[in-house]
């Protein structure tokens, strides 16, 4: 069960990281397309499709190979905080998920959650 949970967490992180990279590159591509005279929509679709395959296909192999060797190191670091392995995995996943959430918020909506929280707390106190 713990191994399946770890694998599921790695797959979820891989999907989210690949999506973050794709969205970043796609945003750059759309900005470049709007600034140049190559604003042909079919060309943009073909380039986006090639980018999607180029990013998502190797991402599952590359990121998993990066995460597996570091998984032990990361879990040892979290082990100092907790004694239960399930809790370690949950805390590690929550931390990575939070960092990805911050990145997606910044990329998609140009919003900085930490800055917004600071303003919210300052306004409340």
PDB file of N, CA and C in Angstrom:
ATOM      1  N   UNK A   1       0.829  -1.197   0.000  1.00  0.00           N
ATOM      2  CA  UNK A   1       0.000   0.000   0.000  1.00  0.00           C
ATOM      3  C   UNK A   1       0.869   1.254   0.000  1.00  0.00           C
ATOM      4  N   UNK A   2       1.927   1.276   0.851  1.00  0.00           N
ATOM      5  CA  UNK A   2       2.781   2.453   0.920  1.00  0.00           C
ATOM      6  C   UNK A   2       3.538   2.665  -0.381  1.00  0.00           C
ATOM      7  N   UNK A   3       3.957   1.557  -1.007  1.00  0.00           N
ATOM      8  CA  UNK A   3       4.675   1.664  -2.278  1.00  0.00           C
ATOM      9  C   UNK A   3       3.742   2.203  -3.366  1.00  0.00           C
ATOM     10  N   UNK A   4       2.483   1.743  -3.372  1.00  0.00           N
ATOM     11  CA  UNK A   4       1.513   2.238  -4.351  1.00  0.00           C
ATOM     12  C   UNK A   4       1.225   3.714  -4.126  1.00  0.00           C
ATOM     13  N   UNK A   5       1.153   4.118  -2.876  1.00  0.00           N
ATOM     14  CA  UNK A   5       0.914   5.517  -2.547  1.00  0.00           C
ATOM     15  C   UNK A   5       2.083   6.385  -3.012  1.00  0.00           C
ATOM     16  N   UNK A   6       3.297   5.900  -2.805  1.00  0.00           N
ATOM     17  CA  UNK A   6       4.480   6.635  -3.260  1.00  0.00           C
ATOM     18  C   UNK A   6       4.497   6.745  -4.770  1.00  0.00           C
ATOM     19  N   UNK A   7       4.198   5.647  -5.466  1.00  0.00           N
ATOM     20  CA  UNK A   7       4.167   5.679  -6.931  1.00  0.00           C
ATOM     21  C   UNK A   7       3.080   6.630  -7.436  1.00  0.00           C
ATOM     22  N   UNK A   8       1.928   6.615  -6.793  1.00  0.00           N
ATOM     23  CA  UNK A   8       0.844   7.518  -7.192  1.00  0.00           C
ATOM     24  C   UNK A   8       1.265   8.969  -7.004  1.00  0.00           C
ATOM     25  N   UNK A   9       1.934   9.262  -5.895  1.00  0.00           N
ATOM     26  CA  UNK A   9       2.405  10.626  -5.650  1.00  0.00           C
ATOM     27  C   UNK A   9       3.414  11.043  -6.714  1.00  0.00           C
ATOM     28  N   UNK A  10       4.310  10.137  -7.106  1.00  0.00           N
ATOM     29  CA  UNK A  10       5.302  10.443  -8.138  1.00  0.00           C
ATOM     30  C   UNK A  10       4.622  10.694  -9.471  1.00  0.00           C
ATOM     31  N   UNK A  11       3.624   9.898  -9.814  1.00  0.00           N
ATOM     32  CA  UNK A  11       2.906  10.092 -11.082  1.00  0.00           C
ATOM     33  C   UNK A  11       2.163  11.426 -11.077  1.00  0.00           C
ATOM     34  N   UNK A  12       1.508  11.759  -9.985  1.00  0.00           N
ATOM     35  CA  UNK A  12       0.783  13.026  -9.897  1.00  0.00           C
ATOM     36  C   UNK A  12       1.734  14.201 -10.026  1.00  0.00           C
ATOM     37  N   UNK A  13       2.863  14.145  -9.324  1.00  0.00           N
ATOM     38  CA  UNK A  13       3.851  15.226  -9.410  1.00  0.00           C
ATOM     39  C   UNK A  13       4.403  15.324 -10.833  1.00  0.00           C
ATOM     40  N   UNK A  14       4.628  14.186 -11.473  1.00  0.00           N
ATOM     41  CA  UNK A  14       5.134  14.176 -12.844  1.00  0.00           C
ATOM     42  C   UNK A  14       4.146  14.847 -13.791  1.00  0.00           C
ATOM     43  N   UNK A  15       2.883  14.509 -13.665  1.00  0.00           N
ATOM     44  CA  UNK A  15       1.856  15.106 -14.524  1.00  0.00           C
ATOM     45  C   UNK A  15       1.788  16.614 -14.305  1.00  0.00           C
ATOM     46  N   UNK A  16       1.795  17.035 -13.062  1.00  0.00           N
ATOM     47  CA  UNK A  16       1.694  18.463 -12.771  1.00  0.00           C
ATOM     48  C   UNK A  16       2.927  19.235 -13.232  1.00  0.00           C
ATOM     49  N   UNK A  17       4.115  18.659 -13.038  1.00  0.00           N
ATOM     50  CA  UNK A  17       5.329  19.328 -13.506  1.00  0.00           C
ATOM     51  C   UNK A  17       5.356  19.428 -15.029  1.00  0.00           C
ATOM     52  N   UNK A  18       4.967  18.362 -15.697  1.00  0.00           N
ATOM     53  CA  UNK A  18       4.935  18.391 -17.159  1.00  0.00           C
ATOM     54  C   UNK A  18       3.925  19.427 -17.643  1.00  0.00           C
ATOM     55  N   UNK A  19       2.784  19.503 -17.004  1.00  0.00           N
ATOM     56  CA  UNK A  19       1.776  20.496 -17.374  1.00  0.00           C
ATOM     57  C   UNK A  19       2.295  21.909 -17.138  1.00  0.00           C
ATOM     58  N   UNK A  20       3.026  22.108 -16.046  1.00  0.00           N
ATOM     59  CA  UNK A  20       3.591  23.426 -15.757  1.00  0.00           C
ATOM     60  C   UNK A  20       4.597  23.832 -16.831  1.00  0.00           C
ATOM     61  N   UNK A  21       5.465  22.913 -17.218  1.00  0.00           N
ATOM     62  CA  UNK A  21       6.438  23.195 -18.275  1.00  0.00           C
ATOM     63  C   UNK A  21       5.716  23.486 -19.586  1.00  0.00           C
ATOM     64  N   UNK A  22       4.749  22.650 -19.925  1.00  0.00           N
ATOM     65  CA  UNK A  22       4.003  22.843 -21.171  1.00  0.00           C
ATOM     66  C   UNK A  22       3.286  24.195 -21.181  1.00  0.00           C
ATOM     67  N   UNK A  23       2.631  24.533 -20.082  1.00  0.00           N
ATOM     68  CA  UNK A  23       1.898  25.803 -20.023  1.00  0.00           C
ATOM     69  C   UNK A  23       2.862  26.984 -20.140  1.00  0.00           C
ATOM     70  N   UNK A  24       4.026  26.876 -19.528  1.00  0.00           N
ATOM     71  CA  UNK A  24       5.016  27.955 -19.624  1.00  0.00           C
ATOM     72  C   UNK A  24       5.496  28.130 -21.054  1.00  0.00           C
ATOM     73  N   UNK A  25       5.853  27.028 -21.699  1.00  0.00           N
ATOM     74  CA  UNK A  25       6.338  27.093 -23.076  1.00  0.00           C
ATOM     75  C   UNK A  25       5.221  27.551 -24.014  1.00  0.00           C
ATOM     76  N   UNK A  26       4.021  27.080 -23.783  1.00  0.00           N
ATOM     77  CA  UNK A  26       2.887  27.474 -24.625  1.00  0.00           C
ATOM     78  C   UNK A  26       2.602  28.968 -24.484  1.00  0.00           C
ATOM     79  N   UNK A  27       2.707  29.495 -23.282  1.00  0.00           N
ATOM     80  CA  UNK A  27       2.508  30.923 -23.058  1.00  0.00           C
ATOM     81  C   UNK A  27       3.559  31.735 -23.813  1.00  0.00           C
ATOM     82  N   UNK A  28       4.800  31.267 -23.761  1.00  0.00           N
ATOM     83  CA  UNK A  28       5.863  31.937 -24.510  1.00  0.00           C
ATOM     84  C   UNK A  28       5.590  31.862 -26.006  1.00  0.00           C
ATOM     85  N   UNK A  29       5.145  30.701 -26.473  1.00  0.00           N
ATOM     86  CA  UNK A  29       4.847  30.519 -27.895  1.00  0.00           C
ATOM     87  C   UNK A  29       3.729  31.452 -28.353  1.00  0.00           C
ATOM     88  N   UNK A  30       2.675  31.547 -27.585  1.00  0.00           N
ATOM     89  CA  UNK A  30       1.556  32.414 -27.948  1.00  0.00           C
ATOM     90  C   UNK A  30       2.004  33.872 -27.961  1.00  0.00           C
ATOM     91  N   UNK A  31       2.815  34.264 -26.985  1.00  0.00           N
ATOM     92  CA  UNK A  31       3.338  35.631 -26.968  1.00  0.00           C
ATOM     93  C   UNK A  31       4.217  35.905 -28.176  1.00  0.00           C
ATOM     94  N   UNK A  32       5.047  34.948 -28.544  1.00  0.00           N
ATOM     95  CA  UNK A  32       5.904  35.096 -29.719  1.00  0.00           C
ATOM     96  C   UNK A  32       5.064  35.166 -30.983  1.00  0.00           C
ATOM     97  N   UNK A  33       4.050  34.341 -31.054  1.00  0.00           N
ATOM     98  CA  UNK A  33       3.190  34.313 -32.237  1.00  0.00           C
ATOM     99  C   UNK A  33       2.471  35.655 -32.410  1.00  0.00           C
ATOM    100  N   UNK A  34       2.041  36.263 -31.318  1.00  0.00           N
ATOM    101  CA  UNK A  34       1.322  37.529 -31.401  1.00  0.00           C
ATOM    102  C   UNK A  34       2.246  38.688 -31.789  1.00  0.00           C
ATOM    103  N   UNK A  35       3.535  38.581 -31.430  1.00  0.00           N
ATOM    104  CA  UNK A  35       4.475  39.650 -31.752  1.00  0.00           C
ATOM    105  C   UNK A  35       5.031  39.544 -33.172  1.00  0.00           C
ATOM    106  N   UNK A  36       4.950  38.385 -33.783  1.00  0.00           N
ATOM    107  CA  UNK A  36       5.493  38.211 -35.123  1.00  0.00           C
ATOM    108  C   UNK A  36       4.359  38.172 -36.143  1.00  0.00           C
ATOM    109  N   UNK A  37       4.730  38.032 -37.362  1.00  0.00           N
ATOM    110  CA  UNK A  37       3.736  37.961 -38.424  1.00  0.00           C
ATOM    111  C   UNK A  37       3.283  36.535 -38.692  1.00  0.00           C
ATOM    112  N   UNK A  38       3.784  35.593 -37.920  1.00  0.00           N
ATOM    113  CA  UNK A  38       3.397  34.188 -38.102  1.00  0.00           C
ATOM    114  C   UNK A  38       2.197  33.873 -37.217  1.00  0.00           C
ATOM    115  N   UNK A  39       1.119  34.565 -37.443  1.00  0.00           N
ATOM    116  CA  UNK A  39      -0.054  34.375 -36.591  1.00  0.00           C
ATOM    117  C   UNK A  39      -1.057  33.409 -37.217  1.00  0.00           C
ATOM    118  N   UNK A  40      -0.561  32.479 -37.980  1.00  0.00           N
ATOM    119  CA  UNK A  40      -1.433  31.498 -38.606  1.00  0.00           C
ATOM    120  C   UNK A  40      -1.880  30.486 -37.550  1.00  0.00           C
ATOM    121  N   UNK A  41      -3.190  30.309 -37.330  1.00  0.00           N
ATOM    122  CA  UNK A  41      -3.649  29.436 -36.252  1.00  0.00           C
ATOM    123  C   UNK A  41      -3.264  27.967 -36.450  1.00  0.00           C
ATOM    124  N   UNK A  42      -3.229  27.486 -37.680  1.00  0.00           N
ATOM    125  CA  UNK A  42      -2.885  26.082 -37.897  1.00  0.00           C
ATOM    126  C   UNK A  42      -1.423  25.819 -37.569  1.00  0.00           C
ATOM    127  N   UNK A  43      -0.569  26.768 -37.846  1.00  0.00           N
ATOM    128  CA  UNK A  43       0.836  26.632 -37.487  1.00  0.00           C
ATOM    129  C   UNK A  43       0.980  26.581 -35.962  1.00  0.00           C
ATOM    130  N   UNK A  44       0.233  27.416 -35.266  1.00  0.00           N
ATOM    131  CA  UNK A  44       0.264  27.416 -33.800  1.00  0.00           C
ATOM    132  C   UNK A  44      -0.227  26.088 -33.239  1.00  0.00           C
ATOM    133  N   UNK A  45      -1.252  25.521 -33.848  1.00  0.00           N
ATOM    134  CA  UNK A  45      -1.783  24.229 -33.385  1.00  0.00           C
ATOM    135  C   UNK A  45      -0.752  23.136 -33.583  1.00  0.00           C
ATOM    136  N   UNK A  46      -0.103  23.102 -34.739  1.00  0.00           N
ATOM    137  CA  UNK A  46       0.901  22.074 -35.003  1.00  0.00           C
ATOM    138  C   UNK A  46       2.079  22.209 -34.039  1.00  0.00           C
ATOM    139  N   UNK A  47       2.547  23.436 -33.833  1.00  0.00           N
ATOM    140  CA  UNK A  47       3.666  23.647 -32.906  1.00  0.00           C
ATOM    141  C   UNK A  47       3.256  23.252 -31.493  1.00  0.00           C
ATOM    142  N   UNK A  48       2.046  23.584 -31.076  1.00  0.00           N
ATOM    143  CA  UNK A  48       1.571  23.204 -29.732  1.00  0.00           C
ATOM    144  C   UNK A  48       1.488  21.689 -29.570  1.00  0.00           C
ATOM    145  N   UNK A  49       1.030  21.012 -30.610  1.00  0.00           N
ATOM    146  CA  UNK A  49       0.945  19.552 -30.540  1.00  0.00           C
ATOM    147  C   UNK A  49       2.339  18.926 -30.444  1.00  0.00           C
ATOM    148  N   UNK A  50       3.265  19.431 -31.215  1.00  0.00           N
ATOM    149  CA  UNK A  50       4.643  18.919 -31.154  1.00  0.00           C
ATOM    150  C   UNK A  50       5.238  19.175 -29.774  1.00  0.00           C
ATOM    151  N   UNK A  51       4.989  20.366 -29.234  1.00  0.00           N
ATOM    152  CA  UNK A  51       5.479  20.674 -27.888  1.00  0.00           C
ATOM    153  C   UNK A  51       4.877  19.747 -26.841  1.00  0.00           C
ATOM    154  N   UNK A  52       3.591  19.460 -26.959  1.00  0.00           N
ATOM    155  CA  UNK A  52       2.939  18.584 -25.993  1.00  0.00           C
ATOM    156  C   UNK A  52       3.582  17.205 -25.989  1.00  0.00           C
ATOM    157  N   UNK A  53       3.799  16.654 -27.171  1.00  0.00           N
ATOM    158  CA  UNK A  53       4.428  15.328 -27.254  1.00  0.00           C
ATOM    159  C   UNK A  53       5.865  15.399 -26.760  1.00  0.00           C
ATOM    160  N   UNK A  54       6.580  16.452 -27.157  1.00  0.00           N
ATOM    161  CA  UNK A  54       7.983  16.587 -26.767  1.00  0.00           C
ATOM    162  C   UNK A  54       8.149  16.763 -25.259  1.00  0.00           C
ATOM    163  N   UNK A  55       7.161  17.305 -24.598  1.00  0.00           N
ATOM    164  CA  UNK A  55       7.258  17.521 -23.151  1.00  0.00           C
ATOM    165  C   UNK A  55       6.679  16.359 -22.365  1.00  0.00           C
ATOM    166  N   UNK A  56       5.479  15.912 -22.712  1.00  0.00           N
ATOM    167  CA  UNK A  56       4.819  14.902 -21.896  1.00  0.00           C
ATOM    168  C   UNK A  56       5.405  13.503 -22.058  1.00  0.00           C
ATOM    169  N   UNK A  57       5.804  13.144 -23.262  1.00  0.00           N
ATOM    170  CA  UNK A  57       6.293  11.787 -23.475  1.00  0.00           C
ATOM    171  C   UNK A  57       7.536  11.485 -22.641  1.00  0.00           C
ATOM    172  N   UNK A  58       8.589  12.290 -22.724  1.00  0.00           N
ATOM    173  CA  UNK A  58       9.773  11.970 -21.918  1.00  0.00           C
ATOM    174  C   UNK A  58       9.635  12.350 -20.445  1.00  0.00           C
ATOM    175  N   UNK A  59       8.655  13.192 -20.129  1.00  0.00           N
ATOM    176  CA  UNK A  59       8.526  13.654 -18.740  1.00  0.00           C
ATOM    177  C   UNK A  59       8.308  12.511 -17.770  1.00  0.00           C
ATOM    178  N   UNK A  60       7.508  11.535 -18.153  1.00  0.00           N
ATOM    179  CA  UNK A  60       7.214  10.435 -17.244  1.00  0.00           C
ATOM    180  C   UNK A  60       8.449   9.602 -16.937  1.00  0.00           C
ATOM    181  N   UNK A  61       9.326   9.474 -17.889  1.00  0.00           N
ATOM    182  CA  UNK A  61      10.553   8.716 -17.661  1.00  0.00           C
ATOM    183  C   UNK A  61      11.609   9.571 -16.982  1.00  0.00           C
ATOM    184  N   UNK A  62      11.770  10.798 -17.422  1.00  0.00           N
ATOM    185  CA  UNK A  62      12.811  11.670 -16.904  1.00  0.00           C
ATOM    186  C   UNK A  62      12.549  12.066 -15.452  1.00  0.00           C
ATOM    187  N   UNK A  63      11.356  12.544 -15.160  1.00  0.00           N
ATOM    188  CA  UNK A  63      11.064  13.018 -13.811  1.00  0.00           C
ATOM    189  C   UNK A  63      11.033  11.862 -12.823  1.00  0.00           C
ATOM    190  N   UNK A  64      10.490  10.724 -13.241  1.00  0.00           N
ATOM    191  CA  UNK A  64      10.488   9.567 -12.344  1.00  0.00           C
ATOM    192  C   UNK A  64      11.918   9.127 -12.037  1.00  0.00           C
ATOM    193  N   UNK A  65      12.797   9.173 -13.028  1.00  0.00           N
ATOM    194  CA  UNK A  65      14.194   8.794 -12.775  1.00  0.00           C
ATOM    195  C   UNK A  65      14.879   9.821 -11.881  1.00  0.00           C
ATOM    196  N   UNK A  66      14.443  11.076 -11.931  1.00  0.00           N
ATOM    197  CA  UNK A  66      15.000  12.077 -11.034  1.00  0.00           C
ATOM    198  C   UNK A  66      14.453  11.925  -9.614  1.00  0.00           C
ATOM    199  N   UNK A  67      13.174  11.586  -9.499  1.00  0.00           N
ATOM    200  CA  UNK A  67      12.554  11.513  -8.181  1.00  0.00           C
ATOM    201  C   UNK A  67      12.943  10.266  -7.405  1.00  0.00           C
ATOM    202  N   UNK A  68      13.097   9.141  -8.095  1.00  0.00           N
ATOM    203  CA  UNK A  68      13.378   7.891  -7.384  1.00  0.00           C
ATOM    204  C   UNK A  68      14.663   7.944  -6.567  1.00  0.00           C
ATOM    205  N   UNK A  69      15.811   8.390  -7.120  1.00  0.00           N
ATOM    206  CA  UNK A  69      17.019   8.440  -6.288  1.00  0.00           C
ATOM    207  C   UNK A  69      16.903   9.443  -5.143  1.00  0.00           C
ATOM    208  N   UNK A  70      16.170  10.519  -5.350  1.00  0.00           N
ATOM    209  CA  UNK A  70      16.036  11.544  -4.325  1.00  0.00           C
ATOM    210  C   UNK A  70      14.909  11.258  -3.343  1.00  0.00           C
ATOM    211  N   UNK A  71      14.100  10.259  -3.652  1.00  0.00           N
ATOM    212  CA  UNK A  71      12.978   9.909  -2.775  1.00  0.00           C
ATOM    213  C   UNK A  71      13.473   9.527  -1.388  1.00  0.00           C
ATOM    214  N   UNK A  72      14.525   8.713  -1.343  1.00  0.00           N
ATOM    215  CA  UNK A  72      15.072   8.301  -0.058  1.00  0.00           C
ATOM    216  C   UNK A  72      15.608   9.471   0.732  1.00  0.00           C
ATOM    217  N   UNK A  73      16.318  10.364   0.071  1.00  0.00           N
ATOM    218  CA  UNK A  73      16.862  11.546   0.728  1.00  0.00           C
ATOM    219  C   UNK A  73      15.744  12.439   1.260  1.00  0.00           C
ATOM    220  N   UNK A  74      14.726  12.631   0.434  1.00  0.00           N
ATOM    221  CA  UNK A  74      13.609  13.474   0.832  1.00  0.00           C
ATOM    222  C   UNK A  74      12.854  12.850   2.011  1.00  0.00           C
ATOM    223  N   UNK A  75      12.633  11.535   1.956  1.00  0.00           N
ATOM    224  CA  UNK A  75      11.922  10.871   3.048  1.00  0.00           C
ATOM    225  C   UNK A  75      12.748  10.876   4.333  1.00  0.00           C
ATOM    226  N   UNK A  76      14.083  10.790   4.228  1.00  0.00           N
ATOM    227  CA  UNK A  76      14.928  10.874   5.426  1.00  0.00           C
ATOM    228  C   UNK A  76      14.816  12.254   6.064  1.00  0.00           C
ATOM    229  N   UNK A  77      14.737  13.279   5.225  1.00  0.00           N
ATOM    230  CA  UNK A  77      14.580  14.633   5.741  1.00  0.00           C
ATOM    231  C   UNK A  77      13.244  14.777   6.461  1.00  0.00           C
ATOM    232  N   UNK A  78      12.184  14.235   5.855  1.00  0.00           N
ATOM    233  CA  UNK A  78      10.866  14.332   6.479  1.00  0.00           C
ATOM    234  C   UNK A  78      10.766  13.401   7.690  1.00  0.00           C
ATOM    235  N   UNK A  79      11.557  12.305   7.694  1.00  0.00           N
ATOM    236  CA  UNK A  79      11.548  11.365   8.810  1.00  0.00           C
ATOM    237  C   UNK A  79      11.944  12.045  10.109  1.00  0.00           C
ATOM    238  N   UNK A  80      12.805  13.032  10.018  1.00  0.00           N
ATOM    239  CA  UNK A  80      13.210  13.769  11.227  1.00  0.00           C
ATOM    240  C   UNK A  80      12.021  14.490  11.851  1.00  0.00           C
ATOM    241  N   UNK A  81      11.031  14.804  11.013  1.00  0.00           N
ATOM    242  CA  UNK A  81       9.857  15.521  11.506  1.00  0.00           C
ATOM    243  C   UNK A  81       8.806  14.555  12.047  1.00  0.00           C
ATOM    244  N   UNK A  82       8.592  13.428  11.352  1.00  0.00           N
ATOM    245  CA  UNK A  82       7.540  12.497  11.753  1.00  0.00           C
ATOM    246  C   UNK A  82       8.101  11.089  11.882  1.00  0.00           C
ATOM    247  N   UNK A  83       7.353  10.225  12.543  1.00  0.00           N
ATOM    248  CA  UNK A  83       7.783   8.842  12.728  1.00  0.00           C
ATOM    249  C   UNK A  83       7.031   7.884  11.803  1.00  0.00           C
ATOM    250  N   UNK A  84       5.882   8.252  11.329  1.00  0.00           N
ATOM    251  CA  UNK A  84       5.048   7.388  10.510  1.00  0.00           C
ATOM    252  C   UNK A  84       5.357   7.617   9.024  1.00  0.00           C
ATOM    253  N   UNK A  85       5.581   6.527   8.264  1.00  0.00           N
ATOM    254  CA  UNK A  85       5.926   6.657   6.841  1.00  0.00           C
ATOM    255  C   UNK A  85       4.779   7.273   6.036  1.00  0.00           C
ATOM    256  N   UNK A  86       3.560   6.896   6.338  1.00  0.00           N
ATOM    257  CA  UNK A  86       2.414   7.471   5.633  1.00  0.00           C
ATOM    258  C   UNK A  86       2.372   8.983   5.834  1.00  0.00           C
ATOM    259  N   UNK A  87       2.617   9.424   7.051  1.00  0.00           N
ATOM    260  CA  UNK A  87       2.627  10.852   7.347  1.00  0.00           C
ATOM    261  C   UNK A  87       3.745  11.538   6.593  1.00  0.00           C
ATOM    262  N   UNK A  88       4.904  10.880   6.499  1.00  0.00           N
ATOM    263  CA  UNK A  88       6.028  11.451   5.742  1.00  0.00           C
ATOM    264  C   UNK A  88       5.656  11.659   4.286  1.00  0.00           C
ATOM    265  N   UNK A  89       5.054  10.639   3.681  1.00  0.00           N
ATOM    266  CA  UNK A  89       4.664  10.739   2.274  1.00  0.00           C
ATOM    267  C   UNK A  89       3.615  11.838   2.099  1.00  0.00           C
ATOM    268  N   UNK A  90       2.663  11.890   2.998  1.00  0.00           N
ATOM    269  CA  UNK A  90       1.603  12.898   2.912  1.00  0.00           C
ATOM    270  C   UNK A  90       2.174  14.310   3.056  1.00  0.00           C
ATOM    271  N   UNK A  91       3.099  14.505   3.992  1.00  0.00           N
ATOM    272  CA  UNK A  91       3.702  15.827   4.175  1.00  0.00           C
ATOM    273  C   UNK A  91       4.549  16.198   2.961  1.00  0.00           C
ATOM    274  N   UNK A  92       5.316  15.256   2.467  1.00  0.00           N
ATOM    275  CA  UNK A  92       6.134  15.517   1.284  1.00  0.00           C
ATOM    276  C   UNK A  92       5.287  15.862   0.075  1.00  0.00           C
ATOM    277  N   UNK A  93       4.234  15.096  -0.142  1.00  0.00           N
ATOM    278  CA  UNK A  93       3.341  15.351  -1.265  1.00  0.00           C
ATOM    279  C   UNK A  93       2.664  16.703  -1.106  1.00  0.00           C
ATOM    280  N   UNK A  94       2.213  17.021   0.104  1.00  0.00           N
ATOM    281  CA  UNK A  94       1.548  18.307   0.341  1.00  0.00           C
ATOM    282  C   UNK A  94       2.504  19.462   0.074  1.00  0.00           C
ATOM    283  N   UNK A  95       3.754  19.319   0.445  1.00  0.00           N
ATOM    284  CA  UNK A  95       4.740  20.368   0.205  1.00  0.00           C
ATOM    285  C   UNK A  95       4.972  20.575  -1.291  1.00  0.00           C
ATOM    286  N   UNK A  96       5.170  19.488  -2.027  1.00  0.00           N
ATOM    287  CA  UNK A  96       5.371  19.590  -3.469  1.00  0.00           C
ATOM    288  C   UNK A  96       4.110  20.135  -4.145  1.00  0.00           C
ATOM    289  N   UNK A  97       2.956  19.663  -3.731  1.00  0.00           N
ATOM    290  CA  UNK A  97       1.696  20.138  -4.303  1.00  0.00           C
ATOM    291  C   UNK A  97       1.529  21.640  -4.067  1.00  0.00           C
ATOM    292  N   UNK A  98       1.878  22.098  -2.862  1.00  0.00           N
ATOM    293  CA  UNK A  98       1.774  23.523  -2.552  1.00  0.00           C
ATOM    294  C   UNK A  98       2.699  24.348  -3.443  1.00  0.00           C
ATOM    295  N   UNK A  99       3.925  23.887  -3.651  1.00  0.00           N
ATOM    296  CA  UNK A  99       4.864  24.596  -4.524  1.00  0.00           C
ATOM    297  C   UNK A  99       4.358  24.637  -5.962  1.00  0.00           C
ATOM    298  N   UNK A 100       3.781  23.533  -6.427  1.00  0.00           N
ATOM    299  CA  UNK A 100       3.199  23.517  -7.764  1.00  0.00           C
ATOM    300  C   UNK A 100       1.987  24.450  -7.844  1.00  0.00           C
ATOM    301  N   UNK A 101       1.176  24.484  -6.795  1.00  0.00           N
ATOM    302  CA  UNK A 101       0.027  25.384  -6.746  1.00  0.00           C
ATOM    303  C   UNK A 101       0.473  26.835  -6.865  1.00  0.00           C
ATOM    304  N   UNK A 102       1.548  27.192  -6.148  1.00  0.00           N
ATOM    305  CA  UNK A 102       2.086  28.548  -6.242  1.00  0.00           C
ATOM    306  C   UNK A 102       2.532  28.857  -7.670  1.00  0.00           C
ATOM    307  N   UNK A 103       3.195  27.893  -8.301  1.00  0.00           N
ATOM    308  CA  UNK A 103       3.696  28.099  -9.663  1.00  0.00           C
ATOM    309  C   UNK A 103       2.554  28.263 -10.659  1.00  0.00           C
ATOM    310  N   UNK A 104       1.532  27.403 -10.575  1.00  0.00           N
ATOM    311  CA  UNK A 104       0.396  27.503 -11.480  1.00  0.00           C
ATOM    312  C   UNK A 104      -0.375  28.812 -11.268  1.00  0.00           C
ATOM    313  N   UNK A 105      -0.549  29.232 -10.023  1.00  0.00           N
ATOM    314  CA  UNK A 105      -1.253  30.486  -9.740  1.00  0.00           C
ATOM    315  C   UNK A 105      -0.522  31.661 -10.374  1.00  0.00           C
ATOM    316  N   UNK A 106       0.803  31.637 -10.271  1.00  0.00           N
ATOM    317  CA  UNK A 106       1.600  32.718 -10.851  1.00  0.00           C
ATOM    318  C   UNK A 106       1.526  32.690 -12.377  1.00  0.00           C
ATOM    319  N   UNK A 107       1.622  31.508 -12.956  1.00  0.00           N
ATOM    320  CA  UNK A 107       1.636  31.380 -14.408  1.00  0.00           C
ATOM    321  C   UNK A 107       0.279  31.707 -15.032  1.00  0.00           C
ATOM    322  N   UNK A 108      -0.785  31.138 -14.501  1.00  0.00           N
ATOM    323  CA  UNK A 108      -2.102  31.268 -15.130  1.00  0.00           C
ATOM    324  C   UNK A 108      -2.801  32.578 -14.813  1.00  0.00           C
ATOM    325  N   UNK A 109      -2.673  33.044 -13.561  1.00  0.00           N
ATOM    326  CA  UNK A 109      -3.444  34.214 -13.139  1.00  0.00           C
ATOM    327  C   UNK A 109      -2.575  35.384 -12.688  1.00  0.00           C
ATOM    328  N   UNK A 110      -1.256  35.225 -12.782  1.00  0.00           N
ATOM    329  CA  UNK A 110      -0.316  36.247 -12.340  1.00  0.00           C
ATOM    330  C   UNK A 110      -0.617  36.662 -10.898  1.00  0.00           C
ATOM    331  N   UNK A 111      -0.899  35.669 -10.074  1.00  0.00           N
ATOM    332  CA  UNK A 111      -1.215  35.900  -8.667  1.00  0.00           C
ATOM    333  C   UNK A 111      -0.169  35.208  -7.802  1.00  0.00           C
ATOM    334  N   UNK A 112       0.317  35.921  -6.793  1.00  0.00           N
ATOM    335  CA  UNK A 112       1.269  35.371  -5.842  1.00  0.00           C
ATOM    336  C   UNK A 112       0.523  35.097  -4.540  1.00  0.00           C
ATOM    337  N   UNK A 113       0.293  33.840  -4.251  1.00  0.00           N
ATOM    338  CA  UNK A 113      -0.496  33.459  -3.080  1.00  0.00           C
ATOM    339  C   UNK A 113       0.145  33.958  -1.788  1.00  0.00           C
ATOM    340  N   UNK A 114       1.459  33.848  -1.681  1.00  0.00           N
ATOM    341  CA  UNK A 114       2.127  34.278  -0.450  1.00  0.00           C
ATOM    342  C   UNK A 114       1.976  35.780  -0.233  1.00  0.00           C
ATOM    343  N   UNK A 115       2.072  36.548  -1.306  1.00  0.00           N
ATOM    344  CA  UNK A 115       1.882  37.992  -1.203  1.00  0.00           C
ATOM    345  C   UNK A 115       0.432  38.322  -0.845  1.00  0.00           C
ATOM    346  N   UNK A 116      -0.505  37.628  -1.469  1.00  0.00           N
ATOM    347  CA  UNK A 116      -1.915  37.854  -1.150  1.00  0.00           C
ATOM    348  C   UNK A 116      -2.226  37.494   0.303  1.00  0.00           C
ATOM    349  N   UNK A 117      -1.633  36.407   0.795  1.00  0.00           N
ATOM    350  CA  UNK A 117      -1.830  36.028   2.201  1.00  0.00           C
ATOM    351  C   UNK A 117      -1.249  37.077   3.137  1.00  0.00           C
ATOM    352  N   UNK A 118      -0.107  37.635   2.762  1.00  0.00           N
ATOM    353  CA  UNK A 118       0.509  38.679   3.582  1.00  0.00           C
ATOM    354  C   UNK A 118      -0.408  39.899   3.666  1.00  0.00           C
ATOM    355  N   UNK A 119      -0.989  40.308   2.531  1.00  0.00           N
ATOM    356  CA  UNK A 119      -1.909  41.439   2.533  1.00  0.00           C
ATOM    357  C   UNK A 119      -3.178  41.121   3.319  1.00  0.00           C
ATOM    358  N   UNK A 120      -3.646  39.887   3.198  1.00  0.00           N
ATOM    359  CA  UNK A 120      -4.854  39.485   3.906  1.00  0.00           C
ATOM    360  C   UNK A 120      -4.630  39.524   5.413  1.00  0.00           C
ATOM    361  N   UNK A 121      -3.485  38.993   5.858  1.00  0.00           N
ATOM    362  CA  UNK A 121      -3.170  38.992   7.299  1.00  0.00           C
ATOM    363  C   UNK A 121      -2.954  40.415   7.796  1.00  0.00           C
ATOM    364  N   UNK A 122      -2.274  41.233   7.017  1.00  0.00           N
ATOM    365  CA  UNK A 122      -2.021  42.619   7.420  1.00  0.00           C
ATOM    366  C   UNK A 122      -3.332  43.406   7.514  1.00  0.00           C
ATOM    367  N   UNK A 123      -4.273  43.105   6.641  1.00  0.00           N
ATOM    368  CA  UNK A 123      -5.561  43.785   6.673  1.00  0.00           C
ATOM    369  C   UNK A 123      -6.434  43.329   7.812  1.00  0.00           C
ATOM    370  N   UNK A 124      -6.232  42.074   8.243  1.00  0.00           N
ATOM    371  CA  UNK A 124      -7.057  41.513   9.312  1.00  0.00           C
ATOM    372  C   UNK A 124      -6.559  41.915  10.698  1.00  0.00           C
ATOM    373  N   UNK A 125      -5.245  41.991  10.831  1.00  0.00           N
ATOM    374  CA  UNK A 125      -4.652  42.245  12.155  1.00  0.00           C
ATOM    375  C   UNK A 125      -4.772  43.650  12.546  1.00  0.00           C
TER     376      UNK A 125
END
